[in-house]
């Protein structure tokens, strides 16, 4: 199973979209500072998660959620600021 997940920074409300096979471990990596792109915006909390059986479908969804339309959908769905 492949998970597409969305994290929200508690520092400035920015969103991060990613995919992994182990969400809990991946969130720990983000919060420990091992991920360069998210290191400066810790701590992170998971606000959204989706499960896919194949990597191709998960990658398509990840790309959509990273797009302007996808981020707007997330903000509307979860009432997120910026």
PDB file of N, CA and C in Angstrom:
ATOM      1  N   UNK A   1       0.833  -1.178   0.000  1.00  0.00           N
ATOM      2  CA  UNK A   1       0.000   0.000   0.000  1.00  0.00           C
ATOM      3  C   UNK A   1       0.886   1.252   0.000  1.00  0.00           C
ATOM      4  N   UNK A   2       0.437   2.230  -0.734  1.00  0.00           N
ATOM      5  CA  UNK A   2       1.134   3.520  -0.808  1.00  0.00           C
ATOM      6  C   UNK A   2       0.193   4.579  -0.238  1.00  0.00           C
ATOM      7  N   UNK A   3       0.716   5.427   0.613  1.00  0.00           N
ATOM      8  CA  UNK A   3      -0.071   6.480   1.248  1.00  0.00           C
ATOM      9  C   UNK A   3       0.338   7.836   0.691  1.00  0.00           C
ATOM     10  N   UNK A   4      -0.653   8.650   0.395  1.00  0.00           N
ATOM     11  CA  UNK A   4      -0.425  10.056   0.066  1.00  0.00           C
ATOM     12  C   UNK A   4      -0.854  10.809   1.323  1.00  0.00           C
ATOM     13  N   UNK A   5       0.021  11.672   1.811  1.00  0.00           N
ATOM     14  CA  UNK A   5      -0.260  12.355   3.067  1.00  0.00           C
ATOM     15  C   UNK A   5      -0.028  13.855   2.932  1.00  0.00           C
ATOM     16  N   UNK A   6      -0.678  14.595   3.807  1.00  0.00           N
ATOM     17  CA  UNK A   6      -0.514  16.041   3.841  1.00  0.00           C
ATOM     18  C   UNK A   6      -0.183  16.433   5.275  1.00  0.00           C
ATOM     19  N   UNK A   7       0.880  17.197   5.413  1.00  0.00           N
ATOM     20  CA  UNK A   7       1.284  17.712   6.709  1.00  0.00           C
ATOM     21  C   UNK A   7       1.059  19.216   6.747  1.00  0.00           C
ATOM     22  N   UNK A   8       0.794  19.710   7.942  1.00  0.00           N
ATOM     23  CA  UNK A   8       0.635  21.155   8.142  1.00  0.00           C
ATOM     24  C   UNK A   8       1.665  21.587   9.174  1.00  0.00           C
ATOM     25  N   UNK A   9       2.379  22.652   8.852  1.00  0.00           N
ATOM     26  CA  UNK A   9       3.366  23.193   9.774  1.00  0.00           C
ATOM     27  C   UNK A   9       2.656  23.990  10.864  1.00  0.00           C
ATOM     28  N   UNK A  10       3.030  23.745  12.111  1.00  0.00           N
ATOM     29  CA  UNK A  10       2.459  24.518  13.216  1.00  0.00           C
ATOM     30  C   UNK A  10       3.139  25.874  13.359  1.00  0.00           C
ATOM     31  N   UNK A  11       4.215  26.086  12.590  1.00  0.00           N
ATOM     32  CA  UNK A  11       4.937  27.356  12.638  1.00  0.00           C
ATOM     33  C   UNK A  11       4.240  28.411  11.789  1.00  0.00           C
ATOM     34  N   UNK A  12       3.908  28.053  10.535  1.00  0.00           N
ATOM     35  CA  UNK A  12       3.341  29.066   9.643  1.00  0.00           C
ATOM     36  C   UNK A  12       2.183  28.552   8.780  1.00  0.00           C
ATOM     37  N   UNK A  13       1.605  27.418   9.148  1.00  0.00           N
ATOM     38  CA  UNK A  13       0.429  26.860   8.457  1.00  0.00           C
ATOM     39  C   UNK A  13       0.694  26.415   7.026  1.00  0.00           C
ATOM     40  N   UNK A  14       1.943  26.277   6.615  1.00  0.00           N
ATOM     41  CA  UNK A  14       2.209  25.799   5.253  1.00  0.00           C
ATOM     42  C   UNK A  14       1.877  24.320   5.180  1.00  0.00           C
ATOM     43  N   UNK A  15       1.598  23.855   3.973  1.00  0.00           N
ATOM     44  CA  UNK A  15       1.267  22.457   3.740  1.00  0.00           C
ATOM     45  C   UNK A  15       2.397  21.754   3.013  1.00  0.00           C
ATOM     46  N   UNK A  16       2.562  20.478   3.308  1.00  0.00           N
ATOM     47  CA  UNK A  16       3.531  19.643   2.616  1.00  0.00           C
ATOM     48  C   UNK A  16       2.814  18.377   2.185  1.00  0.00           C
ATOM     49  N   UNK A  17       2.961  17.999   0.917  1.00  0.00           N
ATOM     50  CA  UNK A  17       2.324  16.804   0.369  1.00  0.00           C
ATOM     51  C   UNK A  17       3.418  15.810   0.001  1.00  0.00           C
ATOM     52  N   UNK A  18       3.214  14.553   0.383  1.00  0.00           N
ATOM     53  CA  UNK A  18       4.185  13.518   0.064  1.00  0.00           C
ATOM     54  C   UNK A  18       3.520  12.164  -0.056  1.00  0.00           C
ATOM     55  N   UNK A  19       4.330  11.154  -0.388  1.00  0.00           N
ATOM     56  CA  UNK A  19       3.812   9.792  -0.430  1.00  0.00           C
ATOM     57  C   UNK A  19       4.854   8.847   0.138  1.00  0.00           C
ATOM     58  N   UNK A  20       4.376   7.761   0.750  1.00  0.00           N
ATOM     59  CA  UNK A  20       5.249   6.825   1.434  1.00  0.00           C
ATOM     60  C   UNK A  20       4.521   5.515   1.684  1.00  0.00           C
ATOM     61  N   UNK A  21       5.247   4.518   2.138  1.00  0.00           N
ATOM     62  CA  UNK A  21       4.635   3.267   2.556  1.00  0.00           C
ATOM     63  C   UNK A  21       4.420   3.226   4.067  1.00  0.00           C
ATOM     64  N   UNK A  22       5.047   4.138   4.803  1.00  0.00           N
ATOM     65  CA  UNK A  22       4.940   4.175   6.264  1.00  0.00           C
ATOM     66  C   UNK A  22       4.772   5.620   6.723  1.00  0.00           C
ATOM     67  N   UNK A  23       3.527   6.034   6.888  1.00  0.00           N
ATOM     68  CA  UNK A  23       3.236   7.438   7.206  1.00  0.00           C
ATOM     69  C   UNK A  23       3.796   7.830   8.571  1.00  0.00           C
ATOM     70  N   UNK A  24       3.586   7.002   9.575  1.00  0.00           N
ATOM     71  CA  UNK A  24       4.047   7.352  10.925  1.00  0.00           C
ATOM     72  C   UNK A  24       5.557   7.587  10.951  1.00  0.00           C
ATOM     73  N   UNK A  25       6.315   6.720  10.318  1.00  0.00           N
ATOM     74  CA  UNK A  25       7.760   6.891  10.262  1.00  0.00           C
ATOM     75  C   UNK A  25       8.136   8.142   9.479  1.00  0.00           C
ATOM     76  N   UNK A  26       7.433   8.395   8.397  1.00  0.00           N
ATOM     77  CA  UNK A  26       7.744   9.562   7.560  1.00  0.00           C
ATOM     78  C   UNK A  26       7.492  10.865   8.317  1.00  0.00           C
ATOM     79  N   UNK A  27       6.399  10.923   9.083  1.00  0.00           N
ATOM     80  CA  UNK A  27       6.114  12.120   9.882  1.00  0.00           C
ATOM     81  C   UNK A  27       7.222  12.321  10.917  1.00  0.00           C
ATOM     82  N   UNK A  28       7.690  11.231  11.525  1.00  0.00           N
ATOM     83  CA  UNK A  28       8.805  11.330  12.479  1.00  0.00           C
ATOM     84  C   UNK A  28      10.048  11.890  11.803  1.00  0.00           C
ATOM     85  N   UNK A  29      10.313  11.444  10.581  1.00  0.00           N
ATOM     86  CA  UNK A  29      11.473  11.959   9.848  1.00  0.00           C
ATOM     87  C   UNK A  29      11.342  13.457   9.588  1.00  0.00           C
ATOM     88  N   UNK A  30      10.147  13.889   9.197  1.00  0.00           N
ATOM     89  CA  UNK A  30       9.940  15.318   8.963  1.00  0.00           C
ATOM     90  C   UNK A  30      10.162  16.106  10.253  1.00  0.00           C
ATOM     91  N   UNK A  31       9.625  15.609  11.361  1.00  0.00           N
ATOM     92  CA  UNK A  31       9.725  16.332  12.627  1.00  0.00           C
ATOM     93  C   UNK A  31      11.104  16.255  13.271  1.00  0.00           C
ATOM     94  N   UNK A  32      11.907  15.289  12.870  1.00  0.00           N
ATOM     95  CA  UNK A  32      13.257  15.184  13.435  1.00  0.00           C
ATOM     96  C   UNK A  32      14.257  16.062  12.686  1.00  0.00           C
ATOM     97  N   UNK A  33      13.849  16.596  11.537  1.00  0.00           N
ATOM     98  CA  UNK A  33      14.744  17.456  10.767  1.00  0.00           C
ATOM     99  C   UNK A  33      15.552  16.718   9.721  1.00  0.00           C
ATOM    100  N   UNK A  34      15.266  15.444   9.474  1.00  0.00           N
ATOM    101  CA  UNK A  34      16.011  14.665   8.490  1.00  0.00           C
ATOM    102  C   UNK A  34      15.594  14.958   7.053  1.00  0.00           C
ATOM    103  N   UNK A  35      14.515  15.698   6.883  1.00  0.00           N
ATOM    104  CA  UNK A  35      14.062  16.053   5.538  1.00  0.00           C
ATOM    105  C   UNK A  35      14.384  17.525   5.302  1.00  0.00           C
ATOM    106  N   UNK A  36      15.303  17.767   4.388  1.00  0.00           N
ATOM    107  CA  UNK A  36      15.817  19.121   4.158  1.00  0.00           C
ATOM    108  C   UNK A  36      14.720  20.138   3.848  1.00  0.00           C
ATOM    109  N   UNK A  37      13.755  19.757   3.005  1.00  0.00           N
ATOM    110  CA  UNK A  37      12.738  20.712   2.562  1.00  0.00           C
ATOM    111  C   UNK A  37      11.748  21.109   3.653  1.00  0.00           C
ATOM    112  N   UNK A  38      11.635  20.324   4.724  1.00  0.00           N
ATOM    113  CA  UNK A  38      10.660  20.633   5.770  1.00  0.00           C
ATOM    114  C   UNK A  38      11.316  20.991   7.102  1.00  0.00           C
ATOM    115  N   UNK A  39      12.607  20.902   7.159  1.00  0.00           N
ATOM    116  CA  UNK A  39      13.352  21.084   8.408  1.00  0.00           C
ATOM    117  C   UNK A  39      13.068  22.416   9.107  1.00  0.00           C
ATOM    118  N   UNK A  40      12.989  23.473   8.365  1.00  0.00           N
ATOM    119  CA  UNK A  40      12.821  24.801   8.956  1.00  0.00           C
ATOM    120  C   UNK A  40      11.417  25.154   9.393  1.00  0.00           C
ATOM    121  N   UNK A  41      10.476  24.260   9.211  1.00  0.00           N
ATOM    122  CA  UNK A  41       9.071  24.580   9.501  1.00  0.00           C
ATOM    123  C   UNK A  41       8.465  23.616  10.519  1.00  0.00           C
ATOM    124  N   UNK A  42       9.296  22.956  11.284  1.00  0.00           N
ATOM    125  CA  UNK A  42       8.848  22.013  12.308  1.00  0.00           C
ATOM    126  C   UNK A  42       8.205  22.734  13.471  1.00  0.00           C
ATOM    127  N   UNK A  43       7.273  22.111  14.157  1.00  0.00           N
ATOM    128  CA  UNK A  43       6.745  20.752  14.028  1.00  0.00           C
ATOM    129  C   UNK A  43       5.638  20.659  12.979  1.00  0.00           C
ATOM    130  N   UNK A  44       5.424  19.439  12.506  1.00  0.00           N
ATOM    131  CA  UNK A  44       4.408  19.122  11.509  1.00  0.00           C
ATOM    132  C   UNK A  44       3.351  18.210  12.114  1.00  0.00           C
ATOM    133  N   UNK A  45       2.099  18.374  11.670  1.00  0.00           N
ATOM    134  CA  UNK A  45       1.029  17.453  12.048  1.00  0.00           C
ATOM    135  C   UNK A  45       0.358  16.954  10.771  1.00  0.00           C
ATOM    136  N   UNK A  46      -0.031  15.703  10.787  1.00  0.00           N
ATOM    137  CA  UNK A  46      -0.715  15.122   9.625  1.00  0.00           C
ATOM    138  C   UNK A  46      -2.160  15.595   9.627  1.00  0.00           C
ATOM    139  N   UNK A  47      -2.601  16.152   8.478  1.00  0.00           N
ATOM    140  CA  UNK A  47      -3.983  16.615   8.373  1.00  0.00           C
ATOM    141  C   UNK A  47      -4.800  15.829   7.355  1.00  0.00           C
ATOM    142  N   UNK A  48      -4.133  15.010   6.535  1.00  0.00           N
ATOM    143  CA  UNK A  48      -4.853  14.270   5.497  1.00  0.00           C
ATOM    144  C   UNK A  48      -4.031  13.057   5.085  1.00  0.00           C
ATOM    145  N   UNK A  49      -4.750  11.960   4.772  1.00  0.00           N
ATOM    146  CA  UNK A  49      -4.081  10.734   4.339  1.00  0.00           C
ATOM    147  C   UNK A  49      -5.009   9.952   3.419  1.00  0.00           C
ATOM    148  N   UNK A  50      -4.456   9.411   2.341  1.00  0.00           N
ATOM    149  CA  UNK A  50      -5.203   8.574   1.403  1.00  0.00           C
ATOM    150  C   UNK A  50      -4.382   7.323   1.123  1.00  0.00           C
ATOM    151  N   UNK A  51      -5.053   6.203   0.873  1.00  0.00           N
ATOM    152  CA  UNK A  51      -4.381   4.922   0.625  1.00  0.00           C
ATOM    153  C   UNK A  51      -4.617   4.490  -0.813  1.00  0.00           C
ATOM    154  N   UNK A  52      -3.539   4.032  -1.469  1.00  0.00           N
ATOM    155  CA  UNK A  52      -3.614   3.548  -2.851  1.00  0.00           C
ATOM    156  C   UNK A  52      -2.910   2.199  -2.947  1.00  0.00           C
ATOM    157  N   UNK A  53      -3.415   1.361  -3.832  1.00  0.00           N
ATOM    158  CA  UNK A  53      -2.821   0.036  -3.992  1.00  0.00           C
ATOM    159  C   UNK A  53      -1.650   0.039  -4.970  1.00  0.00           C
ATOM    160  N   UNK A  54      -1.575   1.073  -5.811  1.00  0.00           N
ATOM    161  CA  UNK A  54      -0.436   1.121  -6.738  1.00  0.00           C
ATOM    162  C   UNK A  54       0.211   2.497  -6.736  1.00  0.00           C
ATOM    163  N   UNK A  55       1.509   2.468  -6.993  1.00  0.00           N
ATOM    164  CA  UNK A  55       2.329   3.680  -6.937  1.00  0.00           C
ATOM    165  C   UNK A  55       1.918   4.724  -7.981  1.00  0.00           C
ATOM    166  N   UNK A  56       1.491   4.277  -9.151  1.00  0.00           N
ATOM    167  CA  UNK A  56       1.120   5.218 -10.220  1.00  0.00           C
ATOM    168  C   UNK A  56      -0.071   6.071  -9.809  1.00  0.00           C
ATOM    169  N   UNK A  57      -1.095   5.457  -9.256  1.00  0.00           N
ATOM    170  CA  UNK A  57      -2.281   6.205  -8.816  1.00  0.00           C
ATOM    171  C   UNK A  57      -1.924   7.151  -7.671  1.00  0.00           C
ATOM    172  N   UNK A  58      -1.083   6.676  -6.760  1.00  0.00           N
ATOM    173  CA  UNK A  58      -0.667   7.515  -5.641  1.00  0.00           C
ATOM    174  C   UNK A  58       0.118   8.726  -6.140  1.00  0.00           C
ATOM    175  N   UNK A  59       1.001   8.517  -7.106  1.00  0.00           N
ATOM    176  CA  UNK A  59       1.805   9.615  -7.654  1.00  0.00           C
ATOM    177  C   UNK A  59       0.926  10.641  -8.352  1.00  0.00           C
ATOM    178  N   UNK A  60      -0.087  10.194  -9.075  1.00  0.00           N
ATOM    179  CA  UNK A  60      -1.006  11.123  -9.742  1.00  0.00           C
ATOM    180  C   UNK A  60      -1.742  11.990  -8.718  1.00  0.00           C
ATOM    181  N   UNK A  61      -2.194  11.351  -7.637  1.00  0.00           N
ATOM    182  CA  UNK A  61      -2.909  12.098  -6.599  1.00  0.00           C
ATOM    183  C   UNK A  61      -1.970  13.071  -5.899  1.00  0.00           C
ATOM    184  N   UNK A  62      -0.743  12.636  -5.629  1.00  0.00           N
ATOM    185  CA  UNK A  62       0.236  13.519  -5.001  1.00  0.00           C
ATOM    186  C   UNK A  62       0.479  14.750  -5.874  1.00  0.00           C
ATOM    187  N   UNK A  63       0.646  14.529  -7.166  1.00  0.00           N
ATOM    188  CA  UNK A  63       0.869  15.657  -8.087  1.00  0.00           C
ATOM    189  C   UNK A  63      -0.318  16.608  -8.081  1.00  0.00           C
ATOM    190  N   UNK A  64      -1.542  16.053  -8.046  1.00  0.00           N
ATOM    191  CA  UNK A  64      -2.734  16.909  -8.002  1.00  0.00           C
ATOM    192  C   UNK A  64      -2.754  17.735  -6.714  1.00  0.00           C
ATOM    193  N   UNK A  65      -2.504  17.089  -5.582  1.00  0.00           N
ATOM    194  CA  UNK A  65      -2.548  17.812  -4.304  1.00  0.00           C
ATOM    195  C   UNK A  65      -1.451  18.865  -4.195  1.00  0.00           C
ATOM    196  N   UNK A  66      -0.374  18.695  -4.946  1.00  0.00           N
ATOM    197  CA  UNK A  66       0.691  19.697  -4.953  1.00  0.00           C
ATOM    198  C   UNK A  66       0.373  20.868  -5.894  1.00  0.00           C
ATOM    199  N   UNK A  67      -0.620  20.683  -6.746  1.00  0.00           N
ATOM    200  CA  UNK A  67      -1.002  21.737  -7.689  1.00  0.00           C
ATOM    201  C   UNK A  67      -1.799  22.822  -6.971  1.00  0.00           C
ATOM    202  N   UNK A  68      -1.993  23.917  -7.628  1.00  0.00           N
ATOM    203  CA  UNK A  68      -2.788  25.001  -7.057  1.00  0.00           C
ATOM    204  C   UNK A  68      -4.210  24.568  -6.742  1.00  0.00           C
ATOM    205  N   UNK A  69      -4.817  23.817  -7.643  1.00  0.00           N
ATOM    206  CA  UNK A  69      -6.180  23.334  -7.419  1.00  0.00           C
ATOM    207  C   UNK A  69      -6.228  22.359  -6.237  1.00  0.00           C
ATOM    208  N   UNK A  70      -5.253  21.494  -6.168  1.00  0.00           N
ATOM    209  CA  UNK A  70      -5.209  20.527  -5.087  1.00  0.00           C
ATOM    210  C   UNK A  70      -5.023  21.184  -3.730  1.00  0.00           C
ATOM    211  N   UNK A  71      -4.125  22.149  -3.656  1.00  0.00           N
ATOM    212  CA  UNK A  71      -3.916  22.851  -2.385  1.00  0.00           C
ATOM    213  C   UNK A  71      -5.161  23.630  -1.989  1.00  0.00           C
ATOM    214  N   UNK A  72      -5.844  24.207  -2.975  1.00  0.00           N
ATOM    215  CA  UNK A  72      -7.081  24.920  -2.663  1.00  0.00           C
ATOM    216  C   UNK A  72      -8.144  23.953  -2.146  1.00  0.00           C
ATOM    217  N   UNK A  73      -8.227  22.756  -2.754  1.00  0.00           N
ATOM    218  CA  UNK A  73      -9.169  21.746  -2.294  1.00  0.00           C
ATOM    219  C   UNK A  73      -8.898  21.379  -0.830  1.00  0.00           C
ATOM    220  N   UNK A  74      -7.614  21.182  -0.495  1.00  0.00           N
ATOM    221  CA  UNK A  74      -7.248  20.852   0.883  1.00  0.00           C
ATOM    222  C   UNK A  74      -7.619  21.983   1.841  1.00  0.00           C
ATOM    223  N   UNK A  75      -7.326  23.202   1.454  1.00  0.00           N
ATOM    224  CA  UNK A  75      -7.628  24.345   2.321  1.00  0.00           C
ATOM    225  C   UNK A  75      -9.125  24.469   2.560  1.00  0.00           C
ATOM    226  N   UNK A  76      -9.921  24.250   1.519  1.00  0.00           N
ATOM    227  CA  UNK A  76     -11.375  24.318   1.663  1.00  0.00           C
ATOM    228  C   UNK A  76     -11.902  23.160   2.507  1.00  0.00           C
ATOM    229  N   UNK A  77     -11.420  21.974   2.261  1.00  0.00           N
ATOM    230  CA  UNK A  77     -11.897  20.779   2.961  1.00  0.00           C
ATOM    231  C   UNK A  77     -11.604  20.848   4.455  1.00  0.00           C
ATOM    232  N   UNK A  78     -10.417  21.309   4.803  1.00  0.00           N
ATOM    233  CA  UNK A  78      -9.997  21.323   6.207  1.00  0.00           C
ATOM    234  C   UNK A  78      -9.998  22.713   6.843  1.00  0.00           C
ATOM    235  N   UNK A  79     -10.527  23.682   6.117  1.00  0.00           N
ATOM    236  CA  UNK A  79     -10.607  25.055   6.637  1.00  0.00           C
ATOM    237  C   UNK A  79      -9.234  25.554   7.086  1.00  0.00           C
ATOM    238  N   UNK A  80      -8.237  25.266   6.238  1.00  0.00           N
ATOM    239  CA  UNK A  80      -6.862  25.658   6.541  1.00  0.00           C
ATOM    240  C   UNK A  80      -6.606  27.070   6.070  1.00  0.00           C
ATOM    241  N   UNK A  81      -5.817  27.782   6.831  1.00  0.00           N
ATOM    242  CA  UNK A  81      -5.437  29.154   6.483  1.00  0.00           C
ATOM    243  C   UNK A  81      -4.140  29.085   5.702  1.00  0.00           C
ATOM    244  N   UNK A  82      -3.906  29.998   4.788  1.00  0.00           N
ATOM    245  CA  UNK A  82      -3.139  30.020   3.575  1.00  0.00           C
ATOM    246  C   UNK A  82      -2.956  28.726   2.962  1.00  0.00           C
TER     247      UNK A  82
END
